[in-house]
């Protein structure tokens, strides 16, 4: 069991699930995936990326010209998956209490 991720951390890790991206791509993907609910300023993004690198959740990927690319480490992938499962459990409990509608699959 791990502590829940901060929303910005989760969205950054989620943005990297499909492969490496550079900072601007991460910023735009987070904004798109969160439907504009999470917007990262450049300084905030790079502070979070530095922390996630230090925590071993991200690594620098191949260089794209002058831009740094970031990718998930195996630990980062496990953490984002565990957080997704935790959130799915929360959604399940909310649906059981009729606070969210059940979706037809």
PDB file of N, CA and C in Angstrom:
ATOM      1  N   UNK A   1       0.848  -1.180   0.000  1.00  0.00           N
ATOM      2  CA  UNK A   1       0.000   0.000   0.000  1.00  0.00           C
ATOM      3  C   UNK A   1       0.895   1.246   0.000  1.00  0.00           C
ATOM      4  N   UNK A   2       0.537   2.220  -0.769  1.00  0.00           N
ATOM      5  CA  UNK A   2       1.305   3.462  -0.817  1.00  0.00           C
ATOM      6  C   UNK A   2       0.378   4.622  -0.495  1.00  0.00           C
ATOM      7  N   UNK A   3       0.956   5.742  -0.158  1.00  0.00           N
ATOM      8  CA  UNK A   3       0.159   6.939   0.070  1.00  0.00           C
ATOM      9  C   UNK A   3      -0.431   7.374  -1.268  1.00  0.00           C
ATOM     10  N   UNK A   4      -1.638   7.946  -1.231  1.00  0.00           N
ATOM     11  CA  UNK A   4      -2.202   8.456  -2.487  1.00  0.00           C
ATOM     12  C   UNK A   4      -1.274   9.494  -3.111  1.00  0.00           C
ATOM     13  N   UNK A   5      -1.233   9.500  -4.423  1.00  0.00           N
ATOM     14  CA  UNK A   5      -0.429  10.490  -5.142  1.00  0.00           C
ATOM     15  C   UNK A   5      -1.149  11.827  -5.158  1.00  0.00           C
ATOM     16  N   UNK A   6      -0.383  12.889  -5.207  1.00  0.00           N
ATOM     17  CA  UNK A   6      -0.966  14.208  -5.424  1.00  0.00           C
ATOM     18  C   UNK A   6      -1.536  14.205  -6.837  1.00  0.00           C
ATOM     19  N   UNK A   7      -2.646  14.931  -7.050  1.00  0.00           N
ATOM     20  CA  UNK A   7      -3.257  14.923  -8.397  1.00  0.00           C
ATOM     21  C   UNK A   7      -2.284  15.272  -9.516  1.00  0.00           C
ATOM     22  N   UNK A   8      -1.458  16.294  -9.332  1.00  0.00           N
ATOM     23  CA  UNK A   8      -0.523  16.671 -10.401  1.00  0.00           C
ATOM     24  C   UNK A   8       0.473  15.544 -10.674  1.00  0.00           C
ATOM     25  N   UNK A   9       0.959  14.901  -9.608  1.00  0.00           N
ATOM     26  CA  UNK A   9       1.896  13.782  -9.786  1.00  0.00           C
ATOM     27  C   UNK A   9       1.245  12.660 -10.587  1.00  0.00           C
ATOM     28  N   UNK A  10       0.016  12.309 -10.209  1.00  0.00           N
ATOM     29  CA  UNK A  10      -0.699  11.233 -10.896  1.00  0.00           C
ATOM     30  C   UNK A  10      -0.876  11.574 -12.371  1.00  0.00           C
ATOM     31  N   UNK A  11      -1.284  12.796 -12.668  1.00  0.00           N
ATOM     32  CA  UNK A  11      -1.519  13.172 -14.066  1.00  0.00           C
ATOM     33  C   UNK A  11      -0.224  13.185 -14.872  1.00  0.00           C
ATOM     34  N   UNK A  12       0.873  13.584 -14.249  1.00  0.00           N
ATOM     35  CA  UNK A  12       2.161  13.562 -14.954  1.00  0.00           C
ATOM     36  C   UNK A  12       2.562  12.128 -15.252  1.00  0.00           C
ATOM     37  N   UNK A  13       2.474  11.249 -14.261  1.00  0.00           N
ATOM     38  CA  UNK A  13       2.811   9.842 -14.490  1.00  0.00           C
ATOM     39  C   UNK A  13       1.886   9.238 -15.544  1.00  0.00           C
ATOM     40  N   UNK A  14       0.603   9.564 -15.468  1.00  0.00           N
ATOM     41  CA  UNK A  14      -0.365   9.053 -16.438  1.00  0.00           C
ATOM     42  C   UNK A  14      -0.027   9.519 -17.859  1.00  0.00           C
ATOM     43  N   UNK A  15       0.443  10.749 -17.979  1.00  0.00           N
ATOM     44  CA  UNK A  15       0.809  11.289 -19.299  1.00  0.00           C
ATOM     45  C   UNK A  15       1.981  10.535 -19.922  1.00  0.00           C
ATOM     46  N   UNK A  16       2.751   9.827 -19.081  1.00  0.00           N
ATOM     47  CA  UNK A  16       3.928   9.118 -19.576  1.00  0.00           C
ATOM     48  C   UNK A  16       3.708   7.621 -19.750  1.00  0.00           C
ATOM     49  N   UNK A  17       2.510   7.144 -19.487  1.00  0.00           N
ATOM     50  CA  UNK A  17       2.228   5.708 -19.599  1.00  0.00           C
ATOM     51  C   UNK A  17       2.459   5.201 -21.021  1.00  0.00           C
ATOM     52  N   UNK A  18       2.114   5.997 -22.013  1.00  0.00           N
ATOM     53  CA  UNK A  18       2.241   5.551 -23.407  1.00  0.00           C
ATOM     54  C   UNK A  18       3.617   5.791 -24.011  1.00  0.00           C
ATOM     55  N   UNK A  19       4.524   6.392 -23.256  1.00  0.00           N
ATOM     56  CA  UNK A  19       5.868   6.594 -23.772  1.00  0.00           C
ATOM     57  C   UNK A  19       6.452   7.923 -23.360  1.00  0.00           C
ATOM     58  N   UNK A  20       7.726   8.128 -23.698  1.00  0.00           N
ATOM     59  CA  UNK A  20       8.437   9.345 -23.294  1.00  0.00           C
ATOM     60  C   UNK A  20       7.829  10.606 -23.904  1.00  0.00           C
ATOM     61  N   UNK A  21       7.953  11.682 -23.159  1.00  0.00           N
ATOM     62  CA  UNK A  21       7.510  13.005 -23.620  1.00  0.00           C
ATOM     63  C   UNK A  21       8.451  14.046 -23.026  1.00  0.00           C
ATOM     64  N   UNK A  22       8.486  15.211 -23.665  1.00  0.00           N
ATOM     65  CA  UNK A  22       9.234  16.324 -23.074  1.00  0.00           C
ATOM     66  C   UNK A  22       8.247  17.197 -22.288  1.00  0.00           C
ATOM     67  N   UNK A  23       8.783  18.140 -21.550  1.00  0.00           N
ATOM     68  CA  UNK A  23       7.982  18.925 -20.617  1.00  0.00           C
ATOM     69  C   UNK A  23       6.746  19.559 -21.211  1.00  0.00           C
ATOM     70  N   UNK A  24       6.875  20.223 -22.354  1.00  0.00           N
ATOM     71  CA  UNK A  24       5.720  20.886 -22.960  1.00  0.00           C
ATOM     72  C   UNK A  24       4.649  19.860 -23.333  1.00  0.00           C
ATOM     73  N   UNK A  25       5.056  18.713 -23.868  1.00  0.00           N
ATOM     74  CA  UNK A  25       4.092  17.661 -24.209  1.00  0.00           C
ATOM     75  C   UNK A  25       3.386  17.153 -22.955  1.00  0.00           C
ATOM     76  N   UNK A  26       4.135  16.996 -21.868  1.00  0.00           N
ATOM     77  CA  UNK A  26       3.529  16.545 -20.610  1.00  0.00           C
ATOM     78  C   UNK A  26       2.495  17.565 -20.147  1.00  0.00           C
ATOM     79  N   UNK A  27       2.871  18.842 -20.163  1.00  0.00           N
ATOM     80  CA  UNK A  27       1.956  19.907 -19.746  1.00  0.00           C
ATOM     81  C   UNK A  27       0.649  19.862 -20.532  1.00  0.00           C
ATOM     82  N   UNK A  28       0.759  19.749 -21.839  1.00  0.00           N
ATOM     83  CA  UNK A  28      -0.423  19.743 -22.698  1.00  0.00           C
ATOM     84  C   UNK A  28      -1.251  18.473 -22.508  1.00  0.00           C
ATOM     85  N   UNK A  29      -0.592  17.327 -22.331  1.00  0.00           N
ATOM     86  CA  UNK A  29      -1.306  16.068 -22.133  1.00  0.00           C
ATOM     87  C   UNK A  29      -2.046  16.065 -20.798  1.00  0.00           C
ATOM     88  N   UNK A  30      -1.433  16.591 -19.757  1.00  0.00           N
ATOM     89  CA  UNK A  30      -2.093  16.691 -18.449  1.00  0.00           C
ATOM     90  C   UNK A  30      -3.335  17.562 -18.564  1.00  0.00           C
ATOM     91  N   UNK A  31      -3.212  18.683 -19.228  1.00  0.00           N
ATOM     92  CA  UNK A  31      -4.350  19.580 -19.402  1.00  0.00           C
ATOM     93  C   UNK A  31      -5.464  18.897 -20.210  1.00  0.00           C
ATOM     94  N   UNK A  32      -5.084  18.192 -21.269  1.00  0.00           N
ATOM     95  CA  UNK A  32      -6.075  17.509 -22.106  1.00  0.00           C
ATOM     96  C   UNK A  32      -6.756  16.372 -21.339  1.00  0.00           C
ATOM     97  N   UNK A  33      -5.947  15.515 -20.719  1.00  0.00           N
ATOM     98  CA  UNK A  33      -6.491  14.350 -19.998  1.00  0.00           C
ATOM     99  C   UNK A  33      -7.374  14.754 -18.830  1.00  0.00           C
ATOM    100  N   UNK A  34      -7.043  15.870 -18.169  1.00  0.00           N
ATOM    101  CA  UNK A  34      -7.824  16.314 -17.016  1.00  0.00           C
ATOM    102  C   UNK A  34      -8.967  17.233 -17.428  1.00  0.00           C
ATOM    103  N   UNK A  35      -9.154  17.384 -18.727  1.00  0.00           N
ATOM    104  CA  UNK A  35     -10.183  18.273 -19.277  1.00  0.00           C
ATOM    105  C   UNK A  35     -10.044  19.687 -18.719  1.00  0.00           C
ATOM    106  N   UNK A  36      -8.786  20.138 -18.589  1.00  0.00           N
ATOM    107  CA  UNK A  36      -8.498  21.494 -18.142  1.00  0.00           C
ATOM    108  C   UNK A  36      -8.532  21.686 -16.636  1.00  0.00           C
ATOM    109  N   UNK A  37      -8.824  20.638 -15.887  1.00  0.00           N
ATOM    110  CA  UNK A  37      -8.915  20.768 -14.423  1.00  0.00           C
ATOM    111  C   UNK A  37      -7.534  20.864 -13.769  1.00  0.00           C
ATOM    112  N   UNK A  38      -6.516  20.308 -14.418  1.00  0.00           N
ATOM    113  CA  UNK A  38      -5.147  20.385 -13.901  1.00  0.00           C
ATOM    114  C   UNK A  38      -4.318  21.114 -14.947  1.00  0.00           C
ATOM    115  N   UNK A  39      -3.845  22.287 -14.550  1.00  0.00           N
ATOM    116  CA  UNK A  39      -2.971  23.082 -15.422  1.00  0.00           C
ATOM    117  C   UNK A  39      -1.679  23.326 -14.672  1.00  0.00           C
ATOM    118  N   UNK A  40      -0.592  22.999 -15.296  1.00  0.00           N
ATOM    119  CA  UNK A  40       0.714  23.122 -14.659  1.00  0.00           C
ATOM    120  C   UNK A  40       1.485  24.291 -15.243  1.00  0.00           C
ATOM    121  N   UNK A  41       1.954  25.158 -14.369  1.00  0.00           N
ATOM    122  CA  UNK A  41       2.858  26.219 -14.793  1.00  0.00           C
ATOM    123  C   UNK A  41       4.222  25.579 -15.036  1.00  0.00           C
ATOM    124  N   UNK A  42       5.023  26.189 -15.869  1.00  0.00           N
ATOM    125  CA  UNK A  42       6.319  25.623 -16.248  1.00  0.00           C
ATOM    126  C   UNK A  42       7.185  25.348 -15.024  1.00  0.00           C
ATOM    127  N   UNK A  43       7.315  26.322 -14.125  1.00  0.00           N
ATOM    128  CA  UNK A  43       8.146  26.147 -12.940  1.00  0.00           C
ATOM    129  C   UNK A  43       7.654  25.009 -12.061  1.00  0.00           C
ATOM    130  N   UNK A  44       6.344  24.920 -11.881  1.00  0.00           N
ATOM    131  CA  UNK A  44       5.746  23.850 -11.080  1.00  0.00           C
ATOM    132  C   UNK A  44       6.016  22.499 -11.723  1.00  0.00           C
ATOM    133  N   UNK A  45       5.821  22.408 -13.025  1.00  0.00           N
ATOM    134  CA  UNK A  45       6.044  21.151 -13.735  1.00  0.00           C
ATOM    135  C   UNK A  45       7.472  20.658 -13.518  1.00  0.00           C
ATOM    136  N   UNK A  46       8.453  21.528 -13.704  1.00  0.00           N
ATOM    137  CA  UNK A  46       9.840  21.086 -13.613  1.00  0.00           C
ATOM    138  C   UNK A  46      10.259  20.774 -12.174  1.00  0.00           C
ATOM    139  N   UNK A  47       9.652  21.433 -11.184  1.00  0.00           N
ATOM    140  CA  UNK A  47       9.907  21.050  -9.780  1.00  0.00           C
ATOM    141  C   UNK A  47       9.363  19.650  -9.508  1.00  0.00           C
ATOM    142  N   UNK A  48       8.161  19.372 -10.012  1.00  0.00           N
ATOM    143  CA  UNK A  48       7.569  18.045  -9.814  1.00  0.00           C
ATOM    144  C   UNK A  48       8.382  16.992 -10.557  1.00  0.00           C
ATOM    145  N   UNK A  49       8.781  17.280 -11.801  1.00  0.00           N
ATOM    146  CA  UNK A  49       9.588  16.319 -12.559  1.00  0.00           C
ATOM    147  C   UNK A  49      10.892  16.013 -11.827  1.00  0.00           C
ATOM    148  N   UNK A  50      11.529  17.038 -11.263  1.00  0.00           N
ATOM    149  CA  UNK A  50      12.781  16.817 -10.526  1.00  0.00           C
ATOM    150  C   UNK A  50      12.533  15.919  -9.318  1.00  0.00           C
ATOM    151  N   UNK A  51      11.423  16.128  -8.612  1.00  0.00           N
ATOM    152  CA  UNK A  51      11.107  15.291  -7.448  1.00  0.00           C
ATOM    153  C   UNK A  51      10.807  13.860  -7.866  1.00  0.00           C
ATOM    154  N   UNK A  52      10.038  13.687  -8.949  1.00  0.00           N
ATOM    155  CA  UNK A  52       9.708  12.340  -9.424  1.00  0.00           C
ATOM    156  C   UNK A  52      10.959  11.609  -9.917  1.00  0.00           C
ATOM    157  N   UNK A  53      11.905  12.352 -10.511  1.00  0.00           N
ATOM    158  CA  UNK A  53      13.197  11.765 -10.899  1.00  0.00           C
ATOM    159  C   UNK A  53      13.961  11.308  -9.650  1.00  0.00           C
ATOM    160  N   UNK A  54      14.013  12.177  -8.650  1.00  0.00           N
ATOM    161  CA  UNK A  54      14.742  11.859  -7.413  1.00  0.00           C
ATOM    162  C   UNK A  54      14.108  10.675  -6.683  1.00  0.00           C
ATOM    163  N   UNK A  55      12.778  10.549  -6.784  1.00  0.00           N
ATOM    164  CA  UNK A  55      12.059   9.448  -6.131  1.00  0.00           C
ATOM    165  C   UNK A  55      12.157   8.139  -6.914  1.00  0.00           C
ATOM    166  N   UNK A  56      12.769   8.186  -8.103  1.00  0.00           N
ATOM    167  CA  UNK A  56      12.938   6.979  -8.906  1.00  0.00           C
ATOM    168  C   UNK A  56      11.711   6.572  -9.705  1.00  0.00           C
ATOM    169  N   UNK A  57      10.751   7.488  -9.845  1.00  0.00           N
ATOM    170  CA  UNK A  57       9.536   7.169 -10.612  1.00  0.00           C
ATOM    171  C   UNK A  57       9.701   7.507 -12.090  1.00  0.00           C
ATOM    172  N   UNK A  58      10.610   8.427 -12.389  1.00  0.00           N
ATOM    173  CA  UNK A  58      10.897   8.836 -13.769  1.00  0.00           C
ATOM    174  C   UNK A  58      12.380   8.701 -14.038  1.00  0.00           C
ATOM    175  N   UNK A  59      12.688   8.650 -15.327  1.00  0.00           N
ATOM    176  CA  UNK A  59      14.079   8.701 -15.774  1.00  0.00           C
ATOM    177  C   UNK A  59      14.125   9.583 -17.010  1.00  0.00           C
ATOM    178  N   UNK A  60      15.303  10.125 -17.260  1.00  0.00           N
ATOM    179  CA  UNK A  60      15.454  10.888 -18.497  1.00  0.00           C
ATOM    180  C   UNK A  60      15.562   9.898 -19.634  1.00  0.00           C
ATOM    181  N   UNK A  61      14.830  10.171 -20.694  1.00  0.00           N
ATOM    182  CA  UNK A  61      14.817   9.301 -21.872  1.00  0.00           C
ATOM    183  C   UNK A  61      15.753   9.899 -22.920  1.00  0.00           C
ATOM    184  N   UNK A  62      15.743   9.329 -24.115  1.00  0.00           N
ATOM    185  CA  UNK A  62      16.610   9.808 -25.194  1.00  0.00           C
ATOM    186  C   UNK A  62      16.358  11.289 -25.442  1.00  0.00           C
ATOM    187  N   UNK A  63      17.398  11.970 -25.867  1.00  0.00           N
ATOM    188  CA  UNK A  63      17.285  13.402 -26.127  1.00  0.00           C
ATOM    189  C   UNK A  63      16.569  13.647 -27.446  1.00  0.00           C
ATOM    190  N   UNK A  64      15.769  14.705 -27.450  1.00  0.00           N
ATOM    191  CA  UNK A  64      15.038  15.133 -28.639  1.00  0.00           C
ATOM    192  C   UNK A  64      15.545  16.532 -28.955  1.00  0.00           C
ATOM    193  N   UNK A  65      16.675  16.602 -29.627  1.00  0.00           N
ATOM    194  CA  UNK A  65      17.283  17.906 -29.860  1.00  0.00           C
ATOM    195  C   UNK A  65      17.777  18.463 -28.540  1.00  0.00           C
ATOM    196  N   UNK A  66      17.290  19.646 -28.167  1.00  0.00           N
ATOM    197  CA  UNK A  66      17.706  20.258 -26.913  1.00  0.00           C
ATOM    198  C   UNK A  66      16.730  19.968 -25.778  1.00  0.00           C
ATOM    199  N   UNK A  67      15.629  19.320 -26.058  1.00  0.00           N
ATOM    200  CA  UNK A  67      14.617  19.065 -25.036  1.00  0.00           C
ATOM    201  C   UNK A  67      14.905  17.768 -24.292  1.00  0.00           C
ATOM    202  N   UNK A  68      14.670  17.803 -22.997  1.00  0.00           N
ATOM    203  CA  UNK A  68      14.784  16.591 -22.198  1.00  0.00           C
ATOM    204  C   UNK A  68      13.478  15.829 -22.280  1.00  0.00           C
ATOM    205  N   UNK A  69      13.581  14.548 -22.484  1.00  0.00           N
ATOM    206  CA  UNK A  69      12.405  13.679 -22.474  1.00  0.00           C
ATOM    207  C   UNK A  69      12.415  12.881 -21.186  1.00  0.00           C
ATOM    208  N   UNK A  70      11.237  12.555 -20.716  1.00  0.00           N
ATOM    209  CA  UNK A  70      11.079  11.796 -19.482  1.00  0.00           C
ATOM    210  C   UNK A  70      10.260  10.556 -19.770  1.00  0.00           C
ATOM    211  N   UNK A  71      10.568   9.481 -19.060  1.00  0.00           N
ATOM    212  CA  UNK A  71       9.782   8.257 -19.182  1.00  0.00           C
ATOM    213  C   UNK A  71       9.634   7.638 -17.801  1.00  0.00           C
ATOM    214  N   UNK A  72       8.641   6.777 -17.681  1.00  0.00           N
ATOM    215  CA  UNK A  72       8.417   6.067 -16.428  1.00  0.00           C
ATOM    216  C   UNK A  72       9.499   5.029 -16.208  1.00  0.00           C
ATOM    217  N   UNK A  73       9.885   4.857 -14.972  1.00  0.00           N
ATOM    218  CA  UNK A  73      10.725   3.719 -14.599  1.00  0.00           C
ATOM    219  C   UNK A  73       9.768   2.560 -14.293  1.00  0.00           C
ATOM    220  N   UNK A  74      10.273   1.353 -14.148  1.00  0.00           N
ATOM    221  CA  UNK A  74       9.386   0.256 -13.730  1.00  0.00           C
ATOM    222  C   UNK A  74       8.655   0.579 -12.417  1.00  0.00           C
ATOM    223  N   UNK A  75       9.349   1.220 -11.475  1.00  0.00           N
ATOM    224  CA  UNK A  75       8.698   1.622 -10.224  1.00  0.00           C
ATOM    225  C   UNK A  75       7.594   2.641 -10.498  1.00  0.00           C
ATOM    226  N   UNK A  76       7.876   3.617 -11.350  1.00  0.00           N
ATOM    227  CA  UNK A  76       6.873   4.624 -11.702  1.00  0.00           C
ATOM    228  C   UNK A  76       5.634   4.000 -12.312  1.00  0.00           C
ATOM    229  N   UNK A  77       5.829   3.004 -13.160  1.00  0.00           N
ATOM    230  CA  UNK A  77       4.692   2.312 -13.783  1.00  0.00           C
ATOM    231  C   UNK A  77       3.875   1.574 -12.717  1.00  0.00           C
ATOM    232  N   UNK A  78       4.553   0.927 -11.767  1.00  0.00           N
ATOM    233  CA  UNK A  78       3.831   0.220 -10.692  1.00  0.00           C
ATOM    234  C   UNK A  78       3.060   1.206  -9.816  1.00  0.00           C
ATOM    235  N   UNK A  79       3.666   2.348  -9.529  1.00  0.00           N
ATOM    236  CA  UNK A  79       3.012   3.350  -8.678  1.00  0.00           C
ATOM    237  C   UNK A  79       1.785   3.925  -9.361  1.00  0.00           C
ATOM    238  N   UNK A  80       1.880   4.274 -10.635  1.00  0.00           N
ATOM    239  CA  UNK A  80       0.718   4.841 -11.323  1.00  0.00           C
ATOM    240  C   UNK A  80      -0.381   3.786 -11.466  1.00  0.00           C
ATOM    241  N   UNK A  81      -0.013   2.540 -11.667  1.00  0.00           N
ATOM    242  CA  UNK A  81      -1.013   1.477 -11.748  1.00  0.00           C
ATOM    243  C   UNK A  81      -1.690   1.271 -10.392  1.00  0.00           C
ATOM    244  N   UNK A  82      -0.910   1.277  -9.314  1.00  0.00           N
ATOM    245  CA  UNK A  82      -1.488   1.119  -7.975  1.00  0.00           C
ATOM    246  C   UNK A  82      -2.432   2.274  -7.656  1.00  0.00           C
ATOM    247  N   UNK A  83      -2.060   3.478  -8.051  1.00  0.00           N
ATOM    248  CA  UNK A  83      -2.930   4.635  -7.813  1.00  0.00           C
ATOM    249  C   UNK A  83      -4.211   4.524  -8.637  1.00  0.00           C
ATOM    250  N   UNK A  84      -4.113   4.058  -9.868  1.00  0.00           N
ATOM    251  CA  UNK A  84      -5.306   3.866 -10.703  1.00  0.00           C
ATOM    252  C   UNK A  84      -6.234   2.833 -10.061  1.00  0.00           C
ATOM    253  N   UNK A  85      -5.667   1.764  -9.530  1.00  0.00           N
ATOM    254  CA  UNK A  85      -6.481   0.743  -8.861  1.00  0.00           C
ATOM    255  C   UNK A  85      -7.130   1.302  -7.598  1.00  0.00           C
ATOM    256  N   UNK A  86      -6.396   2.126  -6.836  1.00  0.00           N
ATOM    257  CA  UNK A  86      -6.953   2.754  -5.639  1.00  0.00           C
ATOM    258  C   UNK A  86      -8.130   3.646  -6.012  1.00  0.00           C
ATOM    259  N   UNK A  87      -7.958   4.445  -7.072  1.00  0.00           N
ATOM    260  CA  UNK A  87      -9.027   5.340  -7.518  1.00  0.00           C
ATOM    261  C   UNK A  87     -10.230   4.557  -8.030  1.00  0.00           C
ATOM    262  N   UNK A  88      -9.988   3.443  -8.717  1.00  0.00           N
ATOM    263  CA  UNK A  88     -11.094   2.597  -9.187  1.00  0.00           C
ATOM    264  C   UNK A  88     -11.881   2.057  -8.002  1.00  0.00           C
ATOM    265  N   UNK A  89     -11.189   1.714  -6.919  1.00  0.00           N
ATOM    266  CA  UNK A  89     -11.870   1.260  -5.713  1.00  0.00           C
ATOM    267  C   UNK A  89     -12.728   2.349  -5.105  1.00  0.00           C
ATOM    268  N   UNK A  90     -12.229   3.572  -5.103  1.00  0.00           N
ATOM    269  CA  UNK A  90     -13.003   4.707  -4.591  1.00  0.00           C
ATOM    270  C   UNK A  90     -14.259   4.895  -5.434  1.00  0.00           C
ATOM    271  N   UNK A  91     -14.102   4.840  -6.756  1.00  0.00           N
ATOM    272  CA  UNK A  91     -15.257   4.992  -7.645  1.00  0.00           C
ATOM    273  C   UNK A  91     -16.270   3.876  -7.385  1.00  0.00           C
ATOM    274  N   UNK A  92     -15.789   2.658  -7.190  1.00  0.00           N
ATOM    275  CA  UNK A  92     -16.693   1.545  -6.887  1.00  0.00           C
ATOM    276  C   UNK A  92     -17.485   1.784  -5.609  1.00  0.00           C
ATOM    277  N   UNK A  93     -16.819   2.302  -4.577  1.00  0.00           N
ATOM    278  CA  UNK A  93     -17.520   2.588  -3.314  1.00  0.00           C
ATOM    279  C   UNK A  93     -18.523   3.719  -3.490  1.00  0.00           C
ATOM    280  N   UNK A  94     -18.180   4.726  -4.297  1.00  0.00           N
ATOM    281  CA  UNK A  94     -19.111   5.826  -4.564  1.00  0.00           C
ATOM    282  C   UNK A  94     -20.346   5.327  -5.313  1.00  0.00           C
ATOM    283  N   UNK A  95     -20.134   4.433  -6.262  1.00  0.00           N
ATOM    284  CA  UNK A  95     -21.276   3.870  -7.002  1.00  0.00           C
ATOM    285  C   UNK A  95     -22.141   3.013  -6.095  1.00  0.00           C
ATOM    286  N   UNK A  96     -21.513   2.240  -5.213  1.00  0.00           N
ATOM    287  CA  UNK A  96     -22.269   1.396  -4.282  1.00  0.00           C
ATOM    288  C   UNK A  96     -23.146   2.249  -3.366  1.00  0.00           C
ATOM    289  N   UNK A  97     -22.703   3.448  -3.076  1.00  0.00           N
ATOM    290  CA  UNK A  97     -23.476   4.353  -2.216  1.00  0.00           C
ATOM    291  C   UNK A  97     -24.381   5.273  -3.025  1.00  0.00           C
ATOM    292  N   UNK A  98     -24.463   4.995  -4.321  1.00  0.00           N
ATOM    293  CA  UNK A  98     -25.320   5.743  -5.241  1.00  0.00           C
ATOM    294  C   UNK A  98     -24.959   7.236  -5.333  1.00  0.00           C
ATOM    295  N   UNK A  99     -23.674   7.515  -5.147  1.00  0.00           N
ATOM    296  CA  UNK A  99     -23.192   8.881  -5.311  1.00  0.00           C
ATOM    297  C   UNK A  99     -22.713   9.129  -6.739  1.00  0.00           C
ATOM    298  N   UNK A 100     -22.500   8.055  -7.478  1.00  0.00           N
ATOM    299  CA  UNK A 100     -22.155   8.120  -8.900  1.00  0.00           C
ATOM    300  C   UNK A 100     -23.030   7.092  -9.616  1.00  0.00           C
ATOM    301  N   UNK A 101     -23.431   7.402 -10.847  1.00  0.00           N
ATOM    302  CA  UNK A 101     -24.237   6.427 -11.584  1.00  0.00           C
ATOM    303  C   UNK A 101     -23.398   5.227 -12.011  1.00  0.00           C
ATOM    304  N   UNK A 102     -24.044   4.085 -12.125  1.00  0.00           N
ATOM    305  CA  UNK A 102     -23.377   2.907 -12.680  1.00  0.00           C
ATOM    306  C   UNK A 102     -23.315   3.082 -14.184  1.00  0.00           C
ATOM    307  N   UNK A 103     -22.189   2.738 -14.760  1.00  0.00           N
ATOM    308  CA  UNK A 103     -22.034   2.866 -16.219  1.00  0.00           C
ATOM    309  C   UNK A 103     -22.265   1.529 -16.879  1.00  0.00           C
ATOM    310  N   UNK A 104     -22.921   1.591 -18.010  1.00  0.00           N
ATOM    311  CA  UNK A 104     -23.061   0.402 -18.837  1.00  0.00           C
ATOM    312  C   UNK A 104     -21.769   0.267 -19.628  1.00  0.00           C
ATOM    313  N   UNK A 105     -21.227  -0.958 -19.687  1.00  0.00           N
ATOM    314  CA  UNK A 105     -19.966  -1.187 -20.397  1.00  0.00           C
ATOM    315  C   UNK A 105     -20.209  -1.652 -21.783  1.00  0.00           C
TER     316      UNK A 105
END
